[in-house]
Amino acid sequence: MEVKLDTQVIPKIGNFKYLGSIIQGNGEIDKDVTHRIGAGWMKWRLTSNVLYDKNMPLRLKGKFYKVAVRPIMLYEAECWTIKNSHTQKLKVAEMRMLRWMCGHTRLEKIRNEVIREKVGVAPVVDNMQEARLKCFRHVKRRRIEAPVRRCERLASVDRRRGKGRPKKSCGEVIRQNMAQLELTEDMALYRRVWRSKIRVEGS
């Protein structure tokens, strides 16, 4: 079916940008993850005079990075149905940034854990998990008449099962995270308990 504006036919596209996120027609997030990594690099370059300053303490650089750069990369990450390929891309991008902040290259063969310890930055995967479970807690505690949030809508989508391996849903990712941290849905009602369980050092 064609959509027209007067006599002009509106072309059909597979994805579009909405509120800073790339929405794909097939429900995937590949382009959105790539876009967020690119946005993170853009912000990193704008602040490189601070992050690459050799006279600034590494811990202070890490704090600045967590406030100015990483939120750009993880915008709407709590709603992503994340895959291993996506997490790998985010890990690679973040470690490149952190190594440059420390003035090291991969040729020096310094372990990632050592670099993170120097700047005081937790793994990006743990940070995404914390954000996802924070969003889940807000959804569980919301009033019945409150509008449905995006993460709840994604978690409740009933996907049609086709051939091959079924697509992972947002709800499945949340259940996996809760199982890893030994959390139950009832615990979401207790703010202090929930926050202490999902809290990541260096996030």
C-alpha atoms as a PDB file:
ATOM      1  CA  MET A   1       0.000   0.000   0.000  1.00  0.00           C
ATOM      2  CA  GLU A   2       1.323   3.436  -0.949  1.00  0.00           C
ATOM      3  CA  VAL A   3       1.152   6.440   1.354  1.00  0.00           C
ATOM      4  CA  LYS A   4       0.820   9.796  -0.416  1.00  0.00           C
ATOM      5  CA  LEU A   5       1.113  13.403   0.665  1.00  0.00           C
ATOM      6  CA  ASP A   6      -0.857  15.248  -2.013  1.00  0.00           C
ATOM      7  CA  THR A   7       0.706  13.692  -5.120  1.00  0.00           C
ATOM      8  CA  GLN A   8       4.054  12.743  -3.586  1.00  0.00           C
ATOM      9  CA  VAL A   9       4.548   9.100  -2.639  1.00  0.00           C
ATOM     10  CA  ILE A  10       6.172   8.678   0.785  1.00  0.00           C
ATOM     11  CA  PRO A  11       8.959   6.097   0.411  1.00  0.00           C
ATOM     12  CA  LYS A  12       8.929   3.066   2.686  1.00  0.00           C
ATOM     13  CA  ILE A  13      12.058   2.681   4.816  1.00  0.00           C
ATOM     14  CA  GLY A  14      13.377  -0.092   7.027  1.00  0.00           C
ATOM     15  CA  ASN A  15      14.448   2.155   9.899  1.00  0.00           C
ATOM     16  CA  PHE A  16      14.134   5.723  11.163  1.00  0.00           C
ATOM     17  CA  LYS A  17      15.469   7.907  13.957  1.00  0.00           C
ATOM     18  CA  TYR A  18      13.128   8.763  16.819  1.00  0.00           C
ATOM     19  CA  LEU A  19      14.147  10.621  20.010  1.00  0.00           C
ATOM     20  CA  GLY A  20      17.804   9.746  19.520  1.00  0.00           C
ATOM     21  CA  SER A  21      17.198   6.027  18.854  1.00  0.00           C
ATOM     22  CA  ILE A  22      17.204   4.098  15.580  1.00  0.00           C
ATOM     23  CA  ILE A  23      13.961   2.138  15.215  1.00  0.00           C
ATOM     24  CA  GLN A  24      14.180  -0.847  12.848  1.00  0.00           C
ATOM     25  CA  GLY A  25      11.183  -2.384  11.168  1.00  0.00           C
ATOM     26  CA  ASN A  26      12.353  -5.923  11.917  1.00  0.00           C
ATOM     27  CA  GLY A  27      12.572  -5.268  15.676  1.00  0.00           C
ATOM     28  CA  GLU A  28      16.359  -5.612  15.856  1.00  0.00           C
ATOM     29  CA  ILE A  29      18.706  -3.124  17.529  1.00  0.00           C
ATOM     30  CA  ASP A  30      21.875  -3.540  15.426  1.00  0.00           C
ATOM     31  CA  LYS A  31      21.683  -0.057  13.895  1.00  0.00           C
ATOM     32  CA  ASP A  32      20.764   1.527  17.216  1.00  0.00           C
ATOM     33  CA  VAL A  33      23.766  -0.023  18.977  1.00  0.00           C
ATOM     34  CA  THR A  34      26.074   1.113  16.167  1.00  0.00           C
ATOM     35  CA  HIS A  35      24.545   4.596  16.293  1.00  0.00           C
ATOM     36  CA  ARG A  36      24.990   4.844  20.083  1.00  0.00           C
ATOM     37  CA  ILE A  37      28.646   3.760  19.818  1.00  0.00           C
ATOM     38  CA  GLY A  38      29.205   6.422  17.160  1.00  0.00           C
ATOM     39  CA  ALA A  39      27.526   9.037  19.374  1.00  0.00           C
ATOM     40  CA  GLY A  40      29.773   7.968  22.251  1.00  0.00           C
ATOM     41  CA  TRP A  41      32.874   8.407  20.104  1.00  0.00           C
ATOM     42  CA  MET A  42      31.685  11.839  19.009  1.00  0.00           C
ATOM     43  CA  LYS A  43      31.279  12.921  22.631  1.00  0.00           C
ATOM     44  CA  TRP A  44      34.663  11.369  23.501  1.00  0.00           C
ATOM     45  CA  ARG A  45      36.369  13.420  20.777  1.00  0.00           C
ATOM     46  CA  LEU A  46      34.669  16.605  22.000  1.00  0.00           C
ATOM     47  CA  THR A  47      36.023  15.962  25.510  1.00  0.00           C
ATOM     48  CA  SER A  48      39.368  14.444  24.477  1.00  0.00           C
ATOM     49  CA  ASN A  49      41.253  17.518  25.704  1.00  0.00           C
ATOM     50  CA  VAL A  50      40.158  16.488  29.196  1.00  0.00           C
ATOM     51  CA  LEU A  51      40.227  12.689  28.864  1.00  0.00           C
ATOM     52  CA  TYR A  52      43.610  12.633  27.122  1.00  0.00           C
ATOM     53  CA  ASP A  53      45.248  15.162  29.457  1.00  0.00           C
ATOM     54  CA  LYS A  54      48.303  13.426  30.973  1.00  0.00           C
ATOM     55  CA  ASN A  55      48.315  15.811  33.942  1.00  0.00           C
ATOM     56  CA  MET A  56      44.811  14.799  35.072  1.00  0.00           C
ATOM     57  CA  PRO A  57      44.470  11.896  37.575  1.00  0.00           C
ATOM     58  CA  LEU A  58      43.117   8.707  36.026  1.00  0.00           C
ATOM     59  CA  ARG A  59      40.359   8.342  38.624  1.00  0.00           C
ATOM     60  CA  LEU A  60      39.127  11.844  37.804  1.00  0.00           C
ATOM     61  CA  LYS A  61      39.155  10.956  34.119  1.00  0.00           C
ATOM     62  CA  GLY A  62      37.086   7.884  34.926  1.00  0.00           C
ATOM     63  CA  LYS A  63      34.488   9.949  36.781  1.00  0.00           C
ATOM     64  CA  PHE A  64      34.310  12.424  33.905  1.00  0.00           C
ATOM     65  CA  TYR A  65      33.930   9.562  31.416  1.00  0.00           C
ATOM     66  CA  LYS A  66      31.063   8.030  33.420  1.00  0.00           C
ATOM     67  CA  VAL A  67      29.215  11.358  33.476  1.00  0.00           C
ATOM     68  CA  ALA A  68      29.918  12.748  29.990  1.00  0.00           C
ATOM     69  CA  VAL A  69      30.516   9.824  27.615  1.00  0.00           C
ATOM     70  CA  ARG A  70      29.027   6.537  28.799  1.00  0.00           C
ATOM     71  CA  PRO A  71      25.436   7.842  29.267  1.00  0.00           C
ATOM     72  CA  ILE A  72      25.498   8.795  25.575  1.00  0.00           C
ATOM     73  CA  MET A  73      26.510   5.244  24.593  1.00  0.00           C
ATOM     74  CA  LEU A  74      23.917   3.591  26.834  1.00  0.00           C
ATOM     75  CA  TYR A  75      20.931   5.817  26.043  1.00  0.00           C
ATOM     76  CA  GLU A  76      17.793   3.600  26.120  1.00  0.00           C
ATOM     77  CA  ALA A  77      20.012   0.551  26.797  1.00  0.00           C
ATOM     78  CA  GLU A  78      17.562  -0.675  29.455  1.00  0.00           C
ATOM     79  CA  CYS A  79      15.110  -1.429  26.614  1.00  0.00           C
ATOM     80  CA  TRP A  80      17.543  -3.287  24.377  1.00  0.00           C
ATOM     81  CA  THR A  81      17.146  -6.996  23.696  1.00  0.00           C
ATOM     82  CA  ILE A  82      20.903  -7.302  23.849  1.00  0.00           C
ATOM     83  CA  LYS A  83      22.908 -10.032  22.111  1.00  0.00           C
ATOM     84  CA  ASN A  84      26.488 -11.187  22.592  1.00  0.00           C
ATOM     85  CA  SER A  85      27.509  -9.462  19.352  1.00  0.00           C
ATOM     86  CA  HIS A  86      26.151  -6.151  20.663  1.00  0.00           C
ATOM     87  CA  THR A  87      27.883  -6.434  24.031  1.00  0.00           C
ATOM     88  CA  GLN A  88      31.148  -7.275  22.286  1.00  0.00           C
ATOM     89  CA  LYS A  89      30.942  -4.129  20.161  1.00  0.00           C
ATOM     90  CA  LEU A  90      30.278  -2.002  23.251  1.00  0.00           C
ATOM     91  CA  LYS A  91      33.124  -3.650  25.169  1.00  0.00           C
ATOM     92  CA  VAL A  92      35.599  -3.056  22.341  1.00  0.00           C
ATOM     93  CA  ALA A  93      34.599   0.598  21.934  1.00  0.00           C
ATOM     94  CA  GLU A  94      34.766   1.309  25.658  1.00  0.00           C
ATOM     95  CA  MET A  95      38.121  -0.408  26.166  1.00  0.00           C
ATOM     96  CA  ARG A  96      39.641   1.596  23.309  1.00  0.00           C
ATOM     97  CA  MET A  97      38.488   4.776  25.025  1.00  0.00           C
ATOM     98  CA  LEU A  98      39.789   3.698  28.427  1.00  0.00           C
ATOM     99  CA  ARG A  99      43.178   2.638  27.037  1.00  0.00           C
ATOM    100  CA  TRP A 100      43.630   5.987  25.321  1.00  0.00           C
ATOM    101  CA  MET A 101      42.672   7.731  28.547  1.00  0.00           C
ATOM    102  CA  CYS A 102      45.442   5.809  30.323  1.00  0.00           C
ATOM    103  CA  GLY A 103      47.932   6.364  27.496  1.00  0.00           C
ATOM    104  CA  HIS A 104      48.277   2.639  26.753  1.00  0.00           C
ATOM    105  CA  THR A 105      47.954   0.622  23.548  1.00  0.00           C
ATOM    106  CA  ARG A 106      47.034  -3.024  22.981  1.00  0.00           C
ATOM    107  CA  LEU A 107      50.663  -3.752  22.067  1.00  0.00           C
ATOM    108  CA  GLU A 108      51.570  -3.262  25.732  1.00  0.00           C
ATOM    109  CA  LYS A 109      49.363  -6.278  26.552  1.00  0.00           C
ATOM    110  CA  ILE A 110      47.857  -4.798  29.714  1.00  0.00           C
ATOM    111  CA  ARG A 111      44.754  -6.686  30.824  1.00  0.00           C
ATOM    112  CA  ASN A 112      41.362  -4.991  30.609  1.00  0.00           C
ATOM    113  CA  GLU A 113      40.782  -5.505  34.329  1.00  0.00           C
ATOM    114  CA  VAL A 114      43.946  -3.542  35.126  1.00  0.00           C
ATOM    115  CA  ILE A 115      42.851  -0.649  32.904  1.00  0.00           C
ATOM    116  CA  ARG A 116      39.405  -0.565  34.517  1.00  0.00           C
ATOM    117  CA  GLU A 117      40.930  -0.602  37.980  1.00  0.00           C
ATOM    118  CA  LYS A 118      43.126   2.380  37.120  1.00  0.00           C
ATOM    119  CA  VAL A 119      40.221   4.567  36.017  1.00  0.00           C
ATOM    120  CA  GLY A 120      37.592   3.060  38.360  1.00  0.00           C
ATOM    121  CA  VAL A 121      35.098   2.140  35.626  1.00  0.00           C
ATOM    122  CA  ALA A 122      32.902  -0.975  35.805  1.00  0.00           C
ATOM    123  CA  PRO A 123      32.298  -3.160  32.702  1.00  0.00           C
ATOM    124  CA  VAL A 124      29.707  -1.716  30.357  1.00  0.00           C
ATOM    125  CA  VAL A 125      27.707  -4.982  30.495  1.00  0.00           C
ATOM    126  CA  ASP A 126      27.273  -4.694  34.267  1.00  0.00           C
ATOM    127  CA  ASN A 127      26.195  -1.070  33.875  1.00  0.00           C
ATOM    128  CA  MET A 128      23.540  -2.045  31.325  1.00  0.00           C
ATOM    129  CA  GLN A 129      22.269  -4.776  33.630  1.00  0.00           C
ATOM    130  CA  GLU A 130      21.921  -2.304  36.491  1.00  0.00           C
ATOM    131  CA  ALA A 131      20.000   0.169  34.301  1.00  0.00           C
ATOM    132  CA  ARG A 132      17.738  -2.610  33.002  1.00  0.00           C
ATOM    133  CA  LEU A 133      16.840  -3.821  36.486  1.00  0.00           C
ATOM    134  CA  LYS A 134      16.264  -0.251  37.706  1.00  0.00           C
ATOM    135  CA  CYS A 135      13.754   0.220  34.912  1.00  0.00           C
ATOM    136  CA  PHE A 136      12.116  -3.124  35.740  1.00  0.00           C
ATOM    137  CA  ARG A 137      11.676  -2.076  39.372  1.00  0.00           C
ATOM    138  CA  HIS A 138       9.966   1.174  38.322  1.00  0.00           C
ATOM    139  CA  VAL A 139       7.631  -0.832  36.079  1.00  0.00           C
ATOM    140  CA  LYS A 140       6.719  -3.244  38.893  1.00  0.00           C
ATOM    141  CA  ARG A 141       5.956  -0.389  41.303  1.00  0.00           C
ATOM    142  CA  ARG A 142       3.979   1.811  38.931  1.00  0.00           C
ATOM    143  CA  ARG A 143       0.316   2.582  39.436  1.00  0.00           C
ATOM    144  CA  ILE A 144      -2.250   0.747  37.331  1.00  0.00           C
ATOM    145  CA  GLU A 145      -3.441   3.971  35.683  1.00  0.00           C
ATOM    146  CA  ALA A 146       0.123   5.097  34.834  1.00  0.00           C
ATOM    147  CA  PRO A 147       1.164   5.099  31.134  1.00  0.00           C
ATOM    148  CA  VAL A 148       3.018   2.033  29.899  1.00  0.00           C
ATOM    149  CA  ARG A 149       6.769   2.556  29.681  1.00  0.00           C
ATOM    150  CA  ARG A 150       8.767   1.359  26.713  1.00  0.00           C
ATOM    151  CA  CYS A 151      10.671  -1.303  28.657  1.00  0.00           C
ATOM    152  CA  GLU A 152       7.395  -2.785  29.902  1.00  0.00           C
ATOM    153  CA  ARG A 153       5.890  -2.761  26.421  1.00  0.00           C
ATOM    154  CA  LEU A 154       8.927  -4.568  25.020  1.00  0.00           C
ATOM    155  CA  ALA A 155       8.885  -7.085  27.848  1.00  0.00           C
ATOM    156  CA  SER A 156       5.238  -7.965  27.227  1.00  0.00           C
ATOM    157  CA  VAL A 157       5.362  -8.316  23.433  1.00  0.00           C
ATOM    158  CA  ASP A 158       4.100 -11.693  22.266  1.00  0.00           C
ATOM    159  CA  ARG A 159       6.436 -12.540  19.405  1.00  0.00           C
ATOM    160  CA  ARG A 160       5.331 -14.996  16.752  1.00  0.00           C
ATOM    161  CA  ARG A 161       7.489 -18.081  16.693  1.00  0.00           C
ATOM    162  CA  GLY A 162       8.836 -18.861  13.254  1.00  0.00           C
ATOM    163  CA  LYS A 163      11.444 -21.272  12.018  1.00  0.00           C
ATOM    164  CA  GLY A 164      14.797 -21.482  13.742  1.00  0.00           C
ATOM    165  CA  ARG A 165      15.785 -20.047  17.083  1.00  0.00           C
ATOM    166  CA  PRO A 166      13.164 -17.595  18.453  1.00  0.00           C
ATOM    167  CA  LYS A 167      14.200 -13.989  19.013  1.00  0.00           C
ATOM    168  CA  LYS A 168      15.190 -13.062  22.532  1.00  0.00           C
ATOM    169  CA  SER A 169      12.718 -10.718  24.223  1.00  0.00           C
ATOM    170  CA  CYS A 170      13.388  -7.950  26.735  1.00  0.00           C
ATOM    171  CA  GLY A 171      11.564 -10.016  29.363  1.00  0.00           C
ATOM    172  CA  GLU A 172      13.893 -12.968  28.829  1.00  0.00           C
ATOM    173  CA  VAL A 173      16.958 -10.744  29.287  1.00  0.00           C
ATOM    174  CA  ILE A 174      15.524  -9.361  32.543  1.00  0.00           C
ATOM    175  CA  ARG A 175      14.741 -12.856  33.839  1.00  0.00           C
ATOM    176  CA  GLN A 176      18.312 -13.957  33.100  1.00  0.00           C
ATOM    177  CA  ASN A 177      19.716 -10.943  34.963  1.00  0.00           C
ATOM    178  CA  MET A 178      17.458 -11.610  37.949  1.00  0.00           C
ATOM    179  CA  ALA A 179      18.500 -15.267  38.040  1.00  0.00           C
ATOM    180  CA  GLN A 180      22.192 -14.284  38.046  1.00  0.00           C
ATOM    181  CA  LEU A 181      21.671 -11.937  41.009  1.00  0.00           C
ATOM    182  CA  GLU A 182      19.203 -14.282  42.766  1.00  0.00           C
ATOM    183  CA  LEU A 183      16.397 -11.729  42.636  1.00  0.00           C
ATOM    184  CA  THR A 184      12.650 -12.297  42.669  1.00  0.00           C
ATOM    185  CA  GLU A 185       9.875  -9.981  41.471  1.00  0.00           C
ATOM    186  CA  ASP A 186       8.614  -9.501  45.045  1.00  0.00           C
ATOM    187  CA  MET A 187      11.965  -7.973  46.011  1.00  0.00           C
ATOM    188  CA  ALA A 188      11.276  -5.063  43.630  1.00  0.00           C
ATOM    189  CA  LEU A 189       8.853  -3.677  46.221  1.00  0.00           C
ATOM    190  CA  TYR A 190      11.728  -3.079  48.655  1.00  0.00           C
ATOM    191  CA  ARG A 191      13.870  -0.271  47.314  1.00  0.00           C
ATOM    192  CA  ARG A 192      16.918  -0.644  49.569  1.00  0.00           C
ATOM    193  CA  VAL A 193      17.166  -4.405  49.077  1.00  0.00           C
ATOM    194  CA  TRP A 194      16.761  -4.132  45.309  1.00  0.00           C
ATOM    195  CA  ARG A 195      19.299  -1.312  44.924  1.00  0.00           C
ATOM    196  CA  SER A 196      21.856  -3.069  47.093  1.00  0.00           C
ATOM    197  CA  LYS A 197      21.539  -6.210  44.973  1.00  0.00           C
ATOM    198  CA  ILE A 198      21.848  -4.546  41.563  1.00  0.00           C
ATOM    199  CA  ARG A 199      24.429  -1.901  42.532  1.00  0.00           C
ATOM    200  CA  VAL A 200      27.661  -2.123  40.504  1.00  0.00           C
ATOM    201  CA  GLU A 201      30.884  -0.668  41.847  1.00  0.00           C
ATOM    202  CA  GLY A 202      32.315   1.887  39.438  1.00  0.00           C
ATOM    203  CA  SER A 203      29.013   2.415  37.615  1.00  0.00           C
END
